[in-house]
N, C-alpha and C. Protein backbone atom coordinates (compact mmCIF):
# COMPACT_ATOMS: atom_id res chain seq x y z
N MET A 1 7.19 11.36 37.67
CA MET A 1 6.11 10.70 37.81
C MET A 1 5.03 10.10 38.89
N ILE A 2 6.01 11.07 39.70
CA ILE A 2 5.06 11.60 41.08
C ILE A 2 4.59 12.16 41.55
N ASP A 3 4.62 13.36 40.15
CA ASP A 3 3.19 13.98 40.79
C ASP A 3 1.76 13.93 40.00
N ILE A 4 1.28 13.18 41.30
CA ILE A 4 0.35 13.39 41.17
C ILE A 4 -0.87 13.52 42.37
N ASP A 5 -1.59 13.70 42.02
CA ASP A 5 -2.21 13.61 44.13
C ASP A 5 -2.02 12.69 44.76
N GLU A 6 -1.87 13.04 45.71
CA GLU A 6 -1.03 12.40 47.04
C GLU A 6 -2.92 11.21 47.90
N ASP A 7 -3.83 11.93 47.82
CA ASP A 7 -5.41 11.23 47.94
C ASP A 7 -6.15 10.80 47.76
N ILE A 8 -6.31 10.08 47.21
CA ILE A 8 -6.84 8.66 47.29
C ILE A 8 -8.39 8.84 47.48
N GLU A 9 -9.20 8.84 46.43
CA GLU A 9 -10.68 8.89 45.72
C GLU A 9 -11.25 7.99 46.45
N ASP A 10 -11.93 7.50 47.64
CA ASP A 10 -12.66 6.28 47.78
C ASP A 10 -12.95 5.33 45.95
N SER A 11 -13.20 6.49 45.03
CA SER A 11 -14.49 5.99 43.79
C SER A 11 -12.42 5.57 43.15
N TRP A 12 -11.63 5.47 43.23
CA TRP A 12 -10.01 5.27 42.43
C TRP A 12 -10.12 3.87 43.27
N LEU A 13 -10.66 3.55 44.64
CA LEU A 13 -10.38 2.70 45.17
C LEU A 13 -11.00 1.35 44.46
N THR A 14 -12.44 1.31 44.18
CA THR A 14 -13.72 0.53 44.40
C THR A 14 -13.28 0.35 42.65
N PRO A 15 -13.41 0.93 41.51
CA PRO A 15 -13.85 0.58 40.28
C PRO A 15 -14.79 0.25 40.33
N PRO A 16 -16.12 0.42 39.14
CA PRO A 16 -16.68 -0.77 39.21
C PRO A 16 -16.19 -1.47 37.73
N ASP A 17 -16.53 -2.19 37.28
CA ASP A 17 -16.48 -4.05 37.03
C ASP A 17 -16.44 -3.23 35.13
N GLY A 18 -15.94 -3.21 35.09
CA GLY A 18 -15.45 -2.70 33.27
C GLY A 18 -14.67 -1.76 32.92
N TYR A 19 -14.21 -1.32 34.19
CA TYR A 19 -14.04 0.79 34.27
C TYR A 19 -12.85 0.41 33.63
N ARG A 20 -13.01 1.77 32.29
CA ARG A 20 -11.96 1.53 31.40
C ARG A 20 -11.64 3.44 31.29
N LEU A 21 -10.53 4.05 32.47
CA LEU A 21 -10.94 5.15 31.70
C LEU A 21 -10.46 6.02 30.36
N GLN A 22 -12.05 6.83 30.62
CA GLN A 22 -11.81 7.39 29.16
C GLN A 22 -10.85 8.59 28.84
N ASP A 23 -10.67 9.27 29.44
CA ASP A 23 -10.87 11.11 29.02
C ASP A 23 -9.03 10.26 30.14
N GLU A 24 -7.65 10.80 30.04
CA GLU A 24 -7.27 10.26 30.54
C GLU A 24 -6.73 11.92 30.87
N ASP A 25 -6.64 12.84 32.51
CA ASP A 25 -6.83 13.45 32.79
C ASP A 25 -4.82 14.47 33.28
N GLU A 26 -5.35 14.90 33.38
CA GLU A 26 -3.56 15.84 34.52
C GLU A 26 -2.42 15.17 34.96
N GLU A 27 -2.83 14.50 36.02
CA GLU A 27 -2.16 13.58 36.17
C GLU A 27 -1.52 12.07 35.49
N GLN A 28 -2.94 11.87 34.73
CA GLN A 28 -1.84 10.96 34.21
C GLN A 28 -1.39 10.94 32.42
N ASP A 29 -0.67 12.37 32.15
CA ASP A 29 -0.51 13.21 31.31
C ASP A 29 1.27 12.94 32.32
N ALA A 30 0.77 13.28 33.42
CA ALA A 30 2.29 13.54 33.65
C ALA A 30 2.88 12.23 33.84
N VAL A 31 2.01 10.60 33.52
CA VAL A 31 2.07 9.75 34.05
C VAL A 31 2.35 9.12 33.13
N ASN A 32 2.66 8.60 32.29
CA ASN A 32 2.15 8.42 30.95
C ASN A 32 3.81 9.29 30.17
N PHE A 33 3.44 10.93 30.31
CA PHE A 33 4.73 11.26 30.05
C PHE A 33 6.47 10.42 30.80
N GLY A 34 6.26 10.92 31.85
CA GLY A 34 7.87 9.90 32.79
C GLY A 34 7.76 8.70 31.55
N LYS A 35 6.85 7.81 31.71
CA LYS A 35 7.17 6.33 30.61
C LYS A 35 6.85 6.55 30.20
N ASP A 36 6.88 7.53 28.66
CA ASP A 36 8.10 7.69 26.79
C ASP A 36 9.41 8.35 27.85
N CYS A 37 9.01 8.95 28.47
CA CYS A 37 10.70 9.45 28.51
C CYS A 37 11.36 8.74 28.94
N ILE A 38 11.42 7.02 30.14
CA ILE A 38 12.22 5.89 29.62
C ILE A 38 12.21 5.37 28.14
N ASP A 39 10.51 4.90 27.95
CA ASP A 39 10.95 4.05 26.94
C ASP A 39 12.20 4.84 25.71
N ARG A 40 12.24 6.36 25.62
CA ARG A 40 13.28 7.22 24.64
C ARG A 40 14.22 6.69 25.47
N ILE A 41 14.78 6.74 26.30
CA ILE A 41 16.26 6.62 26.48
C ILE A 41 16.43 5.52 26.44
N VAL A 42 15.09 4.22 26.66
CA VAL A 42 16.34 3.03 26.59
C VAL A 42 16.43 2.87 24.91
N GLY A 43 15.88 3.17 24.12
CA GLY A 43 15.75 2.80 22.72
C GLY A 43 16.66 3.65 22.13
N SER A 44 17.13 5.14 22.68
CA SER A 44 18.29 5.36 22.37
C SER A 44 19.13 4.37 22.65
N VAL A 45 19.42 4.53 23.90
CA VAL A 45 21.27 4.36 24.80
C VAL A 45 20.75 2.94 24.75
N GLY A 46 19.98 1.96 24.56
CA GLY A 46 20.31 0.75 24.72
C GLY A 46 19.79 -0.23 25.49
N GLU A 47 19.21 -1.39 25.70
CA GLU A 47 18.80 -2.24 26.59
C GLU A 47 20.15 -2.43 28.29
N GLY A 48 20.85 -2.18 27.45
CA GLY A 48 21.61 -2.99 27.94
C GLY A 48 22.74 -1.97 28.62
N LYS A 49 23.04 -0.86 28.49
CA LYS A 49 23.02 0.39 29.63
C LYS A 49 21.75 0.88 30.76
N THR A 50 20.58 0.35 30.35
CA THR A 50 20.02 1.12 30.52
C THR A 50 19.04 0.65 31.70
N LEU A 51 18.75 -0.19 30.97
CA LEU A 51 18.04 -1.36 32.74
C LEU A 51 18.21 -1.58 33.53
N PRO A 52 20.00 -1.80 33.42
CA PRO A 52 20.45 -1.84 35.18
C PRO A 52 20.80 -1.05 35.72
N LEU A 53 20.28 0.52 35.44
CA LEU A 53 20.35 1.82 36.05
C LEU A 53 18.76 1.75 36.51
N LEU A 54 17.94 1.31 35.34
CA LEU A 54 17.00 1.75 35.46
C LEU A 54 16.64 0.29 37.15
N GLY A 55 16.85 -0.71 37.29
CA GLY A 55 16.39 -1.12 37.84
C GLY A 55 17.36 -1.04 39.06
N ILE A 56 17.62 -0.22 39.39
CA ILE A 56 18.75 0.67 40.51
C ILE A 56 17.49 1.26 40.97
N LEU A 57 17.33 2.78 39.90
CA LEU A 57 16.40 3.11 40.09
C LEU A 57 14.73 2.71 40.58
N VAL A 58 14.57 2.50 39.95
CA VAL A 58 13.56 1.10 40.87
C VAL A 58 13.48 0.54 42.17
N GLN A 59 14.47 0.06 42.27
CA GLN A 59 14.03 -0.67 43.92
C GLN A 59 14.79 0.80 44.85
N ASN A 60 15.72 1.64 44.77
CA ASN A 60 15.25 2.92 45.36
C ASN A 60 14.24 3.30 45.81
N VAL A 61 13.52 3.49 44.67
CA VAL A 61 12.15 4.18 44.68
C VAL A 61 10.60 3.21 45.63
N MET A 62 10.90 1.86 45.12
CA MET A 62 10.72 1.26 45.57
C MET A 62 10.62 0.40 47.43
N GLN A 63 12.04 1.40 48.08
CA GLN A 63 12.47 1.45 49.29
C GLN A 63 11.39 2.99 50.05
N ASN A 64 10.79 3.08 49.73
CA ASN A 64 10.01 4.18 50.17
C ASN A 64 8.67 4.67 50.26
N ASP A 65 8.86 4.04 51.86
CA ASP A 65 7.46 3.64 52.71
C ASP A 65 6.25 4.49 53.07
N SER A 66 6.54 5.73 53.03
CA SER A 66 6.07 7.13 53.09
C SER A 66 5.34 7.55 52.78
N ASP A 67 5.06 7.17 50.86
CA ASP A 67 4.96 7.67 50.01
C ASP A 67 4.41 6.48 48.77
N TRP A 68 3.16 6.52 48.87
CA TRP A 68 2.78 5.43 47.96
C TRP A 68 2.93 5.62 46.73
N ARG A 69 3.18 6.83 46.39
CA ARG A 69 3.53 7.45 44.84
C ARG A 69 5.07 7.02 44.27
N TYR A 70 6.16 7.01 44.97
CA TYR A 70 7.22 6.38 44.91
C TYR A 70 7.03 4.39 43.62
N LYS A 71 6.61 4.35 45.83
CA LYS A 71 6.04 3.03 44.45
C LYS A 71 5.38 3.06 43.24
N ASN A 72 4.71 3.48 42.55
CA ASN A 72 3.52 3.39 41.90
C ASN A 72 4.20 4.07 40.19
N ALA A 73 5.59 4.91 40.68
CA ALA A 73 6.46 5.27 39.93
C ALA A 73 7.25 4.30 39.88
N GLY A 74 7.15 3.78 40.66
CA GLY A 74 8.80 2.35 39.74
C GLY A 74 8.08 1.22 39.21
N LEU A 75 6.91 0.82 39.78
CA LEU A 75 6.06 -0.27 38.78
C LEU A 75 5.96 0.20 37.62
N MET A 76 5.30 1.26 37.63
CA MET A 76 4.62 2.48 35.85
C MET A 76 6.49 2.06 34.83
N ALA A 77 7.64 2.63 36.00
CA ALA A 77 8.09 3.27 34.99
C ALA A 77 9.40 1.37 34.78
N LEU A 78 8.47 0.05 35.20
CA LEU A 78 9.01 -1.35 34.56
C LEU A 78 7.62 -1.25 33.47
N SER A 79 6.63 -0.19 33.76
CA SER A 79 5.35 -1.52 32.88
C SER A 79 5.89 -1.21 31.03
């Protein structure tokens, strides 16, 4: 889920009002794939076993202050 471009374009930081992404790009596909995998694991194994582990993993990636993509992946994992 961190397989996205590290550099942020100015247009991404200030989207126009009512902006919605019409076509998902390749980077967003990687994020969605990661989220789908997490959903499937939780659905297969059960919330009771996976959510505590997921919480630990998210907490670990959220502590990475050197690369914003890790925090983004942690937030997306919980969404």
